Amino acid sequence: MPQPLTDAVHEIDHIIAEKHRGPTIPGNLALACFQCNNHKGPNIAGVDPVSRRTTPLFHPRLDVWNEHFRWKGAILQGLTPTGRATVEVLEINLRHRVLHRQALLEEGAFPSV
């Protein structure tokens, strides 16, 4: 969720959590919306709902977004095990989040890709 479209201030997140010895350096930090950061917590992996295998979460410094995700309206689809696990762990498609994105799409405010 782009910062201007939410009331919650984005947070600086450790991509690899300090708990897992992730350093506090620019290459391991990313801006995240409060909800995504809250759901991610210290997780560095999740379970792909298709294969049921543990897989690394999307790494915004190493992975290419378009290889792992695509928008289908207000729904974010995971295209790979990493994409699907990330969507699940971050709970990106919870009903209230999808409804919020849908309303923004209808207003022309949410970036349609």
PDB file of N, CA and C in Angstrom:
ATOM      1  N   MET A   1       0.853  -1.174   0.000  1.00  0.00           N
ATOM      2  CA  MET A   1       0.000   0.000   0.000  1.00  0.00           C
ATOM      3  C   MET A   1       0.897   1.235   0.000  1.00  0.00           C
ATOM      4  N   PRO A   2       0.762   2.088  -0.987  1.00  0.00           N
ATOM      5  CA  PRO A   2       1.550   3.317  -1.000  1.00  0.00           C
ATOM      6  C   PRO A   2       1.248   4.189   0.228  1.00  0.00           C
ATOM      7  N   GLN A   3       2.262   4.790   0.807  1.00  0.00           N
ATOM      8  CA  GLN A   3       2.127   5.600   2.021  1.00  0.00           C
ATOM      9  C   GLN A   3       1.007   6.642   1.931  1.00  0.00           C
ATOM     10  N   PRO A   4       0.869   7.388   0.835  1.00  0.00           N
ATOM     11  CA  PRO A   4      -0.178   8.415   0.812  1.00  0.00           C
ATOM     12  C   PRO A   4      -1.607   7.863   0.872  1.00  0.00           C
ATOM     13  N   LEU A   5      -1.784   6.559   0.656  1.00  0.00           N
ATOM     14  CA  LEU A   5      -3.126   5.984   0.618  1.00  0.00           C
ATOM     15  C   LEU A   5      -3.541   5.298   1.910  1.00  0.00           C
ATOM     16  N   THR A   6      -2.768   5.493   2.959  1.00  0.00           N
ATOM     17  CA  THR A   6      -3.087   4.852   4.232  1.00  0.00           C
ATOM     18  C   THR A   6      -2.906   5.840   5.375  1.00  0.00           C
ATOM     19  N   ASP A   7      -3.623   5.609   6.452  1.00  0.00           N
ATOM     20  CA  ASP A   7      -3.485   6.467   7.636  1.00  0.00           C
ATOM     21  C   ASP A   7      -2.301   6.055   8.496  1.00  0.00           C
ATOM     22  N   ALA A   8      -1.906   4.800   8.384  1.00  0.00           N
ATOM     23  CA  ALA A   8      -0.793   4.293   9.203  1.00  0.00           C
ATOM     24  C   ALA A   8       0.536   4.654   8.541  1.00  0.00           C
ATOM     25  N   VAL A   9       1.446   5.178   9.329  1.00  0.00           N
ATOM     26  CA  VAL A   9       2.764   5.556   8.820  1.00  0.00           C
ATOM     27  C   VAL A   9       3.561   4.291   8.497  1.00  0.00           C
ATOM     28  N   HIS A  10       4.227   4.287   7.345  1.00  0.00           N
ATOM     29  CA  HIS A  10       5.085   3.155   6.993  1.00  0.00           C
ATOM     30  C   HIS A  10       6.246   3.059   7.981  1.00  0.00           C
ATOM     31  N   GLU A  11       6.737   1.848   8.128  1.00  0.00           N
ATOM     32  CA  GLU A  11       7.799   1.576   9.094  1.00  0.00           C
ATOM     33  C   GLU A  11       9.027   1.045   8.382  1.00  0.00           C
ATOM     34  N   ILE A  12      10.178   1.245   9.011  1.00  0.00           N
ATOM     35  CA  ILE A  12      11.401   0.639   8.501  1.00  0.00           C
ATOM     36  C   ILE A  12      11.454  -0.780   9.047  1.00  0.00           C
ATOM     37  N   ASP A  13      11.562  -1.735   8.142  1.00  0.00           N
ATOM     38  CA  ASP A  13      11.549  -3.151   8.494  1.00  0.00           C
ATOM     39  C   ASP A  13      12.906  -3.771   8.187  1.00  0.00           C
ATOM     40  N   HIS A  14      13.356  -4.635   9.065  1.00  0.00           N
ATOM     41  CA  HIS A  14      14.526  -5.463   8.767  1.00  0.00           C
ATOM     42  C   HIS A  14      14.036  -6.601   7.873  1.00  0.00           C
ATOM     43  N   ILE A  15      14.552  -6.721   6.664  1.00  0.00           N
ATOM     44  CA  ILE A  15      14.157  -7.796   5.757  1.00  0.00           C
ATOM     45  C   ILE A  15      14.483  -9.141   6.397  1.00  0.00           C
ATOM     46  N   ILE A  16      15.724  -9.304   6.828  1.00  0.00           N
ATOM     47  CA  ILE A  16      16.117 -10.430   7.667  1.00  0.00           C
ATOM     48  C   ILE A  16      16.144  -9.867   9.085  1.00  0.00           C
ATOM     49  N   ALA A  17      15.248 -10.344   9.925  1.00  0.00           N
ATOM     50  CA  ALA A  17      15.078  -9.784  11.267  1.00  0.00           C
ATOM     51  C   ALA A  17      16.366  -9.831  12.082  1.00  0.00           C
ATOM     52  N   GLU A  18      16.483  -8.863  12.980  1.00  0.00           N
ATOM     53  CA  GLU A  18      17.624  -8.846  13.894  1.00  0.00           C
ATOM     54  C   GLU A  18      17.706 -10.171  14.661  1.00  0.00           C
ATOM     55  N   LYS A  19      16.556 -10.738  14.957  1.00  0.00           N
ATOM     56  CA  LYS A  19      16.484 -12.029  15.647  1.00  0.00           C
ATOM     57  C   LYS A  19      17.256 -13.117  14.892  1.00  0.00           C
ATOM     58  N   HIS A  20      17.313 -12.976  13.569  1.00  0.00           N
ATOM     59  CA  HIS A  20      18.017 -13.943  12.715  1.00  0.00           C
ATOM     60  C   HIS A  20      19.373 -13.392  12.276  1.00  0.00           C
ATOM     61  N   ARG A  21      19.895 -12.455  13.053  1.00  0.00           N
ATOM     62  CA  ARG A  21      21.200 -11.847  12.813  1.00  0.00           C
ATOM     63  C   ARG A  21      21.222 -10.941  11.574  1.00  0.00           C
ATOM     64  N   GLY A  22      20.065 -10.420  11.200  1.00  0.00           N
ATOM     65  CA  GLY A  22      20.013  -9.464  10.101  1.00  0.00           C
ATOM     66  C   GLY A  22      20.585  -8.129  10.546  1.00  0.00           C
ATOM     67  N   PRO A  23      21.529  -7.598   9.796  1.00  0.00           N
ATOM     68  CA  PRO A  23      22.169  -6.346  10.210  1.00  0.00           C
ATOM     69  C   PRO A  23      21.293  -5.121   9.952  1.00  0.00           C
ATOM     70  N   THR A  24      21.547  -4.070  10.703  1.00  0.00           N
ATOM     71  CA  THR A  24      20.857  -2.798  10.488  1.00  0.00           C
ATOM     72  C   THR A  24      21.706  -1.975   9.526  1.00  0.00           C
ATOM     73  N   ILE A  25      21.596  -2.331   8.248  1.00  0.00           N
ATOM     74  CA  ILE A  25      22.298  -1.641   7.160  1.00  0.00           C
ATOM     75  C   ILE A  25      21.282  -1.407   6.045  1.00  0.00           C
ATOM     76  N   PRO A  26      21.500  -0.414   5.189  1.00  0.00           N
ATOM     77  CA  PRO A  26      20.523  -0.109   4.140  1.00  0.00           C
ATOM     78  C   PRO A  26      20.088  -1.322   3.304  1.00  0.00           C
ATOM     79  N   GLY A  27      21.007  -2.227   2.986  1.00  0.00           N
ATOM     80  CA  GLY A  27      20.662  -3.375   2.159  1.00  0.00           C
ATOM     81  C   GLY A  27      19.739  -4.379   2.829  1.00  0.00           C
ATOM     82  N   ASN A  28      19.542  -4.253   4.146  1.00  0.00           N
ATOM     83  CA  ASN A  28      18.659  -5.159   4.871  1.00  0.00           C
ATOM     84  C   ASN A  28      17.440  -4.428   5.433  1.00  0.00           C
ATOM     85  N   LEU A  29      17.205  -3.212   4.977  1.00  0.00           N
ATOM     86  CA  LEU A  29      16.067  -2.438   5.453  1.00  0.00           C
ATOM     87  C   LEU A  29      15.133  -2.121   4.293  1.00  0.00           C
ATOM     88  N   ALA A  30      13.846  -2.095   4.608  1.00  0.00           N
ATOM     89  CA  ALA A  30      12.846  -1.757   3.600  1.00  0.00           C
ATOM     90  C   ALA A  30      11.695  -1.032   4.281  1.00  0.00           C
ATOM     91  N   LEU A  31      11.041  -0.170   3.543  1.00  0.00           N
ATOM     92  CA  LEU A  31       9.857   0.513   4.046  1.00  0.00           C
ATOM     93  C   LEU A  31       8.672  -0.429   3.877  1.00  0.00           C
ATOM     94  N   ALA A  32       7.877  -0.580   4.918  1.00  0.00           N
ATOM     95  CA  ALA A  32       6.730  -1.489   4.871  1.00  0.00           C
ATOM     96  C   ALA A  32       5.531  -0.827   5.525  1.00  0.00           C
ATOM     97  N   CYS A  33       4.346  -1.106   4.979  1.00  0.00           N
ATOM     98  CA  CYS A  33       3.150  -0.601   5.638  1.00  0.00           C
ATOM     99  C   CYS A  33       3.010  -1.329   6.979  1.00  0.00           C
ATOM    100  N   PHE A  34       2.331  -0.695   7.912  1.00  0.00           N
ATOM    101  CA  PHE A  34       2.204  -1.245   9.257  1.00  0.00           C
ATOM    102  C   PHE A  34       1.632  -2.666   9.231  1.00  0.00           C
ATOM    103  N   GLN A  35       0.572  -2.881   8.448  1.00  0.00           N
ATOM    104  CA  GLN A  35      -0.074  -4.196   8.441  1.00  0.00           C
ATOM    105  C   GLN A  35       0.857  -5.281   7.924  1.00  0.00           C
ATOM    106  N   CYS A  36       1.539  -5.031   6.816  1.00  0.00           N
ATOM    107  CA  CYS A  36       2.457  -6.039   6.275  1.00  0.00           C
ATOM    108  C   CYS A  36       3.586  -6.325   7.260  1.00  0.00           C
ATOM    109  N   ASN A  37       4.153  -5.266   7.832  1.00  0.00           N
ATOM    110  CA  ASN A  37       5.249  -5.444   8.771  1.00  0.00           C
ATOM    111  C   ASN A  37       4.782  -6.206  10.007  1.00  0.00           C
ATOM    112  N   ASN A  38       3.586  -5.897  10.474  1.00  0.00           N
ATOM    113  CA  ASN A  38       3.035  -6.567  11.646  1.00  0.00           C
ATOM    114  C   ASN A  38       2.821  -8.060  11.379  1.00  0.00           C
ATOM    115  N   HIS A  39       2.316  -8.404  10.211  1.00  0.00           N
ATOM    116  CA  HIS A  39       2.084  -9.818   9.874  1.00  0.00           C
ATOM    117  C   HIS A  39       3.396 -10.552   9.611  1.00  0.00           C
ATOM    118  N   LYS A  40       4.346  -9.866   9.007  1.00  0.00           N
ATOM    119  CA  LYS A  40       5.629 -10.515   8.700  1.00  0.00           C
ATOM    120  C   LYS A  40       6.394 -10.854   9.968  1.00  0.00           C
ATOM    121  N   GLY A  41       6.446  -9.901  10.907  1.00  0.00           N
ATOM    122  CA  GLY A  41       7.202 -10.128  12.128  1.00  0.00           C
ATOM    123  C   GLY A  41       8.633 -10.529  11.799  1.00  0.00           C
ATOM    124  N   PRO A  42       9.202 -11.505  12.510  1.00  0.00           N
ATOM    125  CA  PRO A  42      10.569 -11.923  12.246  1.00  0.00           C
ATOM    126  C   PRO A  42      10.668 -13.024  11.186  1.00  0.00           C
ATOM    127  N   ASN A  43       9.537 -13.370  10.544  1.00  0.00           N
ATOM    128  CA  ASN A  43       9.554 -14.458   9.566  1.00  0.00           C
ATOM    129  C   ASN A  43      10.482 -14.158   8.393  1.00  0.00           C
ATOM    130  N   ILE A  44      11.208 -15.174   7.963  1.00  0.00           N
ATOM    131  CA  ILE A  44      12.027 -15.083   6.752  1.00  0.00           C
ATOM    132  C   ILE A  44      11.580 -16.128   5.733  1.00  0.00           C
ATOM    133  N   ALA A  45      10.595 -16.956   6.129  1.00  0.00           N
ATOM    134  CA  ALA A  45      10.058 -18.000   5.252  1.00  0.00           C
ATOM    135  C   ALA A  45       8.592 -18.203   5.590  1.00  0.00           C
ATOM    136  N   GLY A  46       7.914 -18.897   4.690  1.00  0.00           N
ATOM    137  CA  GLY A  46       6.518 -19.240   4.890  1.00  0.00           C
ATOM    138  C   GLY A  46       6.240 -20.534   4.162  1.00  0.00           C
ATOM    139  N   VAL A  47       5.002 -20.985   4.243  1.00  0.00           N
ATOM    140  CA  VAL A  47       4.601 -22.219   3.566  1.00  0.00           C
ATOM    141  C   VAL A  47       3.836 -21.855   2.304  1.00  0.00           C
ATOM    142  N   ASP A  48       4.300 -22.371   1.168  1.00  0.00           N
ATOM    143  CA  ASP A  48       3.600 -22.185  -0.103  1.00  0.00           C
ATOM    144  C   ASP A  48       2.296 -22.964  -0.014  1.00  0.00           C
ATOM    145  N   PRO A  49       1.135 -22.298  -0.184  1.00  0.00           N
ATOM    146  CA  PRO A  49      -0.137 -23.001  -0.057  1.00  0.00           C
ATOM    147  C   PRO A  49      -0.388 -24.042  -1.154  1.00  0.00           C
ATOM    148  N   VAL A  50       0.373 -24.005  -2.231  1.00  0.00           N
ATOM    149  CA  VAL A  50       0.201 -24.986  -3.309  1.00  0.00           C
ATOM    150  C   VAL A  50       1.044 -26.231  -3.050  1.00  0.00           C
ATOM    151  N   SER A  51       2.337 -26.050  -2.857  1.00  0.00           N
ATOM    152  CA  SER A  51       3.226 -27.200  -2.670  1.00  0.00           C
ATOM    153  C   SER A  51       3.302 -27.658  -1.213  1.00  0.00           C
ATOM    154  N   ARG A  52       2.862 -26.784  -0.286  1.00  0.00           N
ATOM    155  CA  ARG A  52       2.941 -27.031   1.160  1.00  0.00           C
ATOM    156  C   ARG A  52       4.385 -27.114   1.652  1.00  0.00           C
ATOM    157  N   ARG A  53       5.313 -26.587   0.880  1.00  0.00           N
ATOM    158  CA  ARG A  53       6.733 -26.590   1.260  1.00  0.00           C
ATOM    159  C   ARG A  53       7.123 -25.233   1.832  1.00  0.00           C
ATOM    160  N   THR A  54       8.059 -25.273   2.759  1.00  0.00           N
ATOM    161  CA  THR A  54       8.610 -24.049   3.316  1.00  0.00           C
ATOM    162  C   THR A  54       9.486 -23.378   2.266  1.00  0.00           C
ATOM    163  N   THR A  55       9.297 -22.080   2.105  1.00  0.00           N
ATOM    164  CA  THR A  55      10.015 -21.331   1.076  1.00  0.00           C
ATOM    165  C   THR A  55      10.355 -19.944   1.606  1.00  0.00           C
ATOM    166  N   PRO A  56      11.456 -19.356   1.156  1.00  0.00           N
ATOM    167  CA  PRO A  56      11.801 -18.002   1.605  1.00  0.00           C
ATOM    168  C   PRO A  56      10.737 -16.993   1.191  1.00  0.00           C
ATOM    169  N   LEU A  57      10.561 -15.966   2.020  1.00  0.00           N
ATOM    170  CA  LEU A  57       9.680 -14.863   1.657  1.00  0.00           C
ATOM    171  C   LEU A  57      10.373 -13.992   0.612  1.00  0.00           C
ATOM    172  N   PHE A  58       9.593 -13.187  -0.084  1.00  0.00           N
ATOM    173  CA  PHE A  58      10.106 -12.244  -1.071  1.00  0.00           C
ATOM    174  C   PHE A  58      11.123 -11.320  -0.409  1.00  0.00           C
ATOM    175  N   HIS A  59      12.258 -11.158  -1.055  1.00  0.00           N
ATOM    176  CA  HIS A  59      13.326 -10.274  -0.575  1.00  0.00           C
ATOM    177  C   HIS A  59      13.389  -9.082  -1.523  1.00  0.00           C
ATOM    178  N   PRO A  60      12.954  -7.902  -1.070  1.00  0.00           N
ATOM    179  CA  PRO A  60      12.858  -6.752  -1.981  1.00  0.00           C
ATOM    180  C   PRO A  60      14.183  -6.251  -2.539  1.00  0.00           C
ATOM    181  N   ARG A  61      15.304  -6.660  -1.980  1.00  0.00           N
ATOM    182  CA  ARG A  61      16.607  -6.248  -2.500  1.00  0.00           C
ATOM    183  C   ARG A  61      17.189  -7.263  -3.478  1.00  0.00           C
ATOM    184  N   LEU A  62      16.718  -8.509  -3.417  1.00  0.00           N
ATOM    185  CA  LEU A  62      17.289  -9.568  -4.254  1.00  0.00           C
ATOM    186  C   LEU A  62      16.323 -10.124  -5.300  1.00  0.00           C
ATOM    187  N   ASP A  63      15.031 -10.084  -5.006  1.00  0.00           N
ATOM    188  CA  ASP A  63      14.034 -10.674  -5.906  1.00  0.00           C
ATOM    189  C   ASP A  63      13.390  -9.615  -6.793  1.00  0.00           C
ATOM    190  N   VAL A  64      12.876 -10.042  -7.938  1.00  0.00           N
ATOM    191  CA  VAL A  64      12.199  -9.145  -8.882  1.00  0.00           C
ATOM    192  C   VAL A  64      10.689  -9.296  -8.685  1.00  0.00           C
ATOM    193  N   TRP A  65      10.034  -8.194  -8.318  1.00  0.00           N
ATOM    194  CA  TRP A  65       8.616  -8.214  -7.954  1.00  0.00           C
ATOM    195  C   TRP A  65       7.756  -8.877  -9.033  1.00  0.00           C
ATOM    196  N   ASN A  66       7.922  -8.478 -10.294  1.00  0.00           N
ATOM    197  CA  ASN A  66       7.076  -8.997 -11.379  1.00  0.00           C
ATOM    198  C   ASN A  66       7.259 -10.489 -11.641  1.00  0.00           C
ATOM    199  N   GLU A  67       8.331 -11.067 -11.166  1.00  0.00           N
ATOM    200  CA  GLU A  67       8.523 -12.512 -11.315  1.00  0.00           C
ATOM    201  C   GLU A  67       7.719 -13.295 -10.278  1.00  0.00           C
ATOM    202  N   HIS A  68       7.360 -12.637  -9.183  1.00  0.00           N
ATOM    203  CA  HIS A  68       6.707 -13.337  -8.073  1.00  0.00           C
ATOM    204  C   HIS A  68       5.245 -12.954  -7.857  1.00  0.00           C
ATOM    205  N   PHE A  69       4.830 -11.795  -8.390  1.00  0.00           N
ATOM    206  CA  PHE A  69       3.481 -11.279  -8.104  1.00  0.00           C
ATOM    207  C   PHE A  69       2.852 -10.650  -9.346  1.00  0.00           C
ATOM    208  N   ARG A  70       1.523 -10.574  -9.304  1.00  0.00           N
ATOM    209  CA  ARG A  70       0.780  -9.746 -10.255  1.00  0.00           C
ATOM    210  C   ARG A  70      -0.538  -9.365  -9.597  1.00  0.00           C
ATOM    211  N   TRP A  71      -1.027  -8.208 -10.012  1.00  0.00           N
ATOM    212  CA  TRP A  71      -2.318  -7.746  -9.521  1.00  0.00           C
ATOM    213  C   TRP A  71      -3.415  -8.286 -10.411  1.00  0.00           C
ATOM    214  N   LYS A  72      -4.471  -8.773  -9.811  1.00  0.00           N
ATOM    215  CA  LYS A  72      -5.712  -9.121 -10.507  1.00  0.00           C
ATOM    216  C   LYS A  72      -6.778  -8.283  -9.819  1.00  0.00           C
ATOM    217  N   GLY A  73      -6.943  -7.067 -10.331  1.00  0.00           N
ATOM    218  CA  GLY A  73      -7.801  -6.105  -9.649  1.00  0.00           C
ATOM    219  C   GLY A  73      -7.165  -5.736  -8.322  1.00  0.00           C
ATOM    220  N   ALA A  74      -7.927  -5.909  -7.242  1.00  0.00           N
ATOM    221  CA  ALA A  74      -7.442  -5.569  -5.904  1.00  0.00           C
ATOM    222  C   ALA A  74      -6.784  -6.753  -5.197  1.00  0.00           C
ATOM    223  N   ILE A  75      -6.713  -7.882  -5.873  1.00  0.00           N
ATOM    224  CA  ILE A  75      -6.124  -9.104  -5.304  1.00  0.00           C
ATOM    225  C   ILE A  75      -4.675  -9.228  -5.775  1.00  0.00           C
ATOM    226  N   LEU A  76      -3.778  -9.459  -4.838  1.00  0.00           N
ATOM    227  CA  LEU A  76      -2.389  -9.721  -5.205  1.00  0.00           C
ATOM    228  C   LEU A  76      -2.213 -11.230  -5.328  1.00  0.00           C
ATOM    229  N   GLN A  77      -1.790 -11.670  -6.501  1.00  0.00           N
ATOM    230  CA  GLN A  77      -1.576 -13.092  -6.756  1.00  0.00           C
ATOM    231  C   GLN A  77      -0.094 -13.414  -6.673  1.00  0.00           C
ATOM    232  N   GLY A  78       0.224 -14.477  -5.961  1.00  0.00           N
ATOM    233  CA  GLY A  78       1.581 -14.992  -5.945  1.00  0.00           C
ATOM    234  C   GLY A  78       1.757 -15.931  -7.116  1.00  0.00           C
ATOM    235  N   LEU A  79       2.800 -15.733  -7.900  1.00  0.00           N
ATOM    236  CA  LEU A  79       3.037 -16.540  -9.096  1.00  0.00           C
ATOM    237  C   LEU A  79       4.012 -17.686  -8.855  1.00  0.00           C
ATOM    238  N   THR A  80       4.777 -17.598  -7.788  1.00  0.00           N
ATOM    239  CA  THR A  80       5.816 -18.576  -7.478  1.00  0.00           C
ATOM    240  C   THR A  80       5.617 -19.028  -6.034  1.00  0.00           C
ATOM    241  N   PRO A  81       6.321 -20.082  -5.607  1.00  0.00           N
ATOM    242  CA  PRO A  81       6.230 -20.446  -4.192  1.00  0.00           C
ATOM    243  C   PRO A  81       6.564 -19.277  -3.265  1.00  0.00           C
ATOM    244  N   THR A  82       7.603 -18.519  -3.591  1.00  0.00           N
ATOM    245  CA  THR A  82       7.961 -17.351  -2.785  1.00  0.00           C
ATOM    246  C   THR A  82       6.839 -16.330  -2.785  1.00  0.00           C
ATOM    247  N   GLY A  83       6.275 -16.038  -3.933  1.00  0.00           N
ATOM    248  CA  GLY A  83       5.174 -15.079  -4.017  1.00  0.00           C
ATOM    249  C   GLY A  83       3.964 -15.528  -3.227  1.00  0.00           C
ATOM    250  N   ARG A  84       3.585 -16.792  -3.396  1.00  0.00           N
ATOM    251  CA  ARG A  84       2.405 -17.300  -2.686  1.00  0.00           C
ATOM    252  C   ARG A  84       2.624 -17.316  -1.172  1.00  0.00           C
ATOM    253  N   ALA A  85       3.808 -17.741  -0.736  1.00  0.00           N
ATOM    254  CA  ALA A  85       4.096 -17.770   0.699  1.00  0.00           C
ATOM    255  C   ALA A  85       4.091 -16.353   1.276  1.00  0.00           C
ATOM    256  N   THR A  86       4.617 -15.395   0.529  1.00  0.00           N
ATOM    257  CA  THR A  86       4.657 -14.014   0.999  1.00  0.00           C
ATOM    258  C   THR A  86       3.252 -13.447   1.127  1.00  0.00           C
ATOM    259  N   VAL A  87       2.406 -13.693   0.134  1.00  0.00           N
ATOM    260  CA  VAL A  87       1.015 -13.229   0.195  1.00  0.00           C
ATOM    261  C   VAL A  87       0.324 -13.820   1.428  1.00  0.00           C
ATOM    262  N   GLU A  88       0.567 -15.091   1.710  1.00  0.00           N
ATOM    263  CA  GLU A  88      -0.050 -15.748   2.861  1.00  0.00           C
ATOM    264  C   GLU A  88       0.469 -15.195   4.186  1.00  0.00           C
ATOM    265  N   VAL A  89       1.791 -15.122   4.344  1.00  0.00           N
ATOM    266  CA  VAL A  89       2.365 -14.683   5.618  1.00  0.00           C
ATOM    267  C   VAL A  89       1.993 -13.233   5.912  1.00  0.00           C
ATOM    268  N   LEU A  90       2.054 -12.369   4.916  1.00  0.00           N
ATOM    269  CA  LEU A  90       1.732 -10.960   5.124  1.00  0.00           C
ATOM    270  C   LEU A  90       0.222 -10.702   5.147  1.00  0.00           C
ATOM    271  N   GLU A  91      -0.564 -11.739   4.861  1.00  0.00           N
ATOM    272  CA  GLU A  91      -2.031 -11.657   4.847  1.00  0.00           C
ATOM    273  C   GLU A  91      -2.499 -10.473   3.993  1.00  0.00           C
ATOM    274  N   ILE A  92      -1.909 -10.373   2.830  1.00  0.00           N
ATOM    275  CA  ILE A  92      -2.148  -9.249   1.939  1.00  0.00           C
ATOM    276  C   ILE A  92      -3.583  -9.210   1.409  1.00  0.00           C
ATOM    277  N   ASN A  93      -4.214 -10.355   1.290  1.00  0.00           N
ATOM    278  CA  ASN A  93      -5.553 -10.389   0.711  1.00  0.00           C
ATOM    279  C   ASN A  93      -6.661 -10.614   1.733  1.00  0.00           C
ATOM    280  N   LEU A  94      -6.435 -10.165   2.965  1.00  0.00           N
ATOM    281  CA  LEU A  94      -7.532 -10.191   3.929  1.00  0.00           C
ATOM    282  C   LEU A  94      -8.674  -9.342   3.372  1.00  0.00           C
ATOM    283  N   ARG A  95      -9.892  -9.722   3.676  1.00  0.00           N
ATOM    284  CA  ARG A  95     -11.068  -9.082   3.089  1.00  0.00           C
ATOM    285  C   ARG A  95     -11.035  -7.554   3.213  1.00  0.00           C
ATOM    286  N   HIS A  96     -10.760  -7.034   4.393  1.00  0.00           N
ATOM    287  CA  HIS A  96     -10.783  -5.572   4.574  1.00  0.00           C
ATOM    288  C   HIS A  96      -9.687  -4.884   3.767  1.00  0.00           C
ATOM    289  N   ARG A  97      -8.560  -5.560   3.562  1.00  0.00           N
ATOM    290  CA  ARG A  97      -7.482  -4.968   2.771  1.00  0.00           C
ATOM    291  C   ARG A  97      -7.860  -4.941   1.293  1.00  0.00           C
ATOM    292  N   VAL A  98      -8.492  -6.008   0.822  1.00  0.00           N
ATOM    293  CA  VAL A  98      -8.940  -6.062  -0.580  1.00  0.00           C
ATOM    294  C   VAL A  98     -10.029  -5.021  -0.824  1.00  0.00           C
ATOM    295  N   LEU A  99     -10.965  -4.899   0.103  1.00  0.00           N
ATOM    296  CA  LEU A  99     -12.036  -3.905  -0.055  1.00  0.00           C
ATOM    297  C   LEU A  99     -11.470  -2.481  -0.095  1.00  0.00           C
ATOM    298  N   HIS A 100     -10.465  -2.225   0.722  1.00  0.00           N
ATOM    299  CA  HIS A 100      -9.819  -0.910   0.718  1.00  0.00           C
ATOM    300  C   HIS A 100      -9.154  -0.646  -0.636  1.00  0.00           C
ATOM    301  N   ARG A 101      -8.401  -1.633  -1.139  1.00  0.00           N
ATOM    302  CA  ARG A 101      -7.749  -1.470  -2.443  1.00  0.00           C
ATOM    303  C   ARG A 101      -8.782  -1.327  -3.553  1.00  0.00           C
ATOM    304  N   GLN A 102      -9.891  -2.082  -3.465  1.00  0.00           N
ATOM    305  CA  GLN A 102     -10.936  -1.998  -4.490  1.00  0.00           C
ATOM    306  C   GLN A 102     -11.536  -0.592  -4.530  1.00  0.00           C
ATOM    307  N   ALA A 103     -11.804  -0.032  -3.363  1.00  0.00           N
ATOM    308  CA  ALA A 103     -12.349   1.334  -3.309  1.00  0.00           C
ATOM    309  C   ALA A 103     -11.354   2.330  -3.908  1.00  0.00           C
ATOM    310  N   LEU A 104     -10.087   2.153  -3.606  1.00  0.00           N
ATOM    311  CA  LEU A 104      -9.065   3.041  -4.173  1.00  0.00           C
ATOM    312  C   LEU A 104      -8.950   2.863  -5.684  1.00  0.00           C
ATOM    313  N   LEU A 105      -9.080   1.620  -6.156  1.00  0.00           N
ATOM    314  CA  LEU A 105      -9.063   1.373  -7.614  1.00  0.00           C
ATOM    315  C   LEU A 105     -10.222   2.092  -8.290  1.00  0.00           C
ATOM    316  N   GLU A 106     -11.392   2.007  -7.681  1.00  0.00           N
ATOM    317  CA  GLU A 106     -12.581   2.652  -8.266  1.00  0.00           C
ATOM    318  C   GLU A 106     -12.443   4.165  -8.303  1.00  0.00           C
ATOM    319  N   GLU A 107     -11.694   4.717  -7.351  1.00  0.00           N
ATOM    320  CA  GLU A 107     -11.437   6.165  -7.335  1.00  0.00           C
ATOM    321  C   GLU A 107     -10.305   6.551  -8.281  1.00  0.00           C
ATOM    322  N   GLY A 108      -9.593   5.547  -8.803  1.00  0.00           N
ATOM    323  CA  GLY A 108      -8.441   5.824  -9.648  1.00  0.00           C
ATOM    324  C   GLY A 108      -7.201   6.176  -8.850  1.00  0.00           C
ATOM    325  N   ALA A 109      -7.219   5.884  -7.532  1.00  0.00           N
ATOM    326  CA  ALA A 109      -6.101   6.266  -6.663  1.00  0.00           C
ATOM    327  C   ALA A 109      -5.084   5.142  -6.483  1.00  0.00           C
ATOM    328  N   PHE A 110      -5.521   3.896  -6.620  1.00  0.00           N
ATOM    329  CA  PHE A 110      -4.599   2.782  -6.415  1.00  0.00           C
ATOM    330  C   PHE A 110      -3.925   2.461  -7.741  1.00  0.00           C
ATOM    331  N   PRO A 111      -2.611   2.295  -7.720  1.00  0.00           N
ATOM    332  CA  PRO A 111      -1.910   2.013  -8.985  1.00  0.00           C
ATOM    333  C   PRO A 111      -2.368   0.694  -9.600  1.00  0.00           C
ATOM    334  N   SER A 112      -2.963   0.759 -10.763  1.00  0.00           N
ATOM    335  CA  SER A 112      -3.344  -0.485 -11.460  1.00  0.00           C
ATOM    336  C   SER A 112      -2.203  -0.883 -12.370  1.00  0.00           C
ATOM    337  N   VAL A 113      -1.808  -2.133 -12.258  1.00  0.00           N
ATOM    338  CA  VAL A 113      -0.665  -2.637 -13.027  1.00  0.00           C
ATOM    339  C   VAL A 113      -1.150  -3.686 -13.990  1.00  0.00           C
TER     340      VAL A 113
END
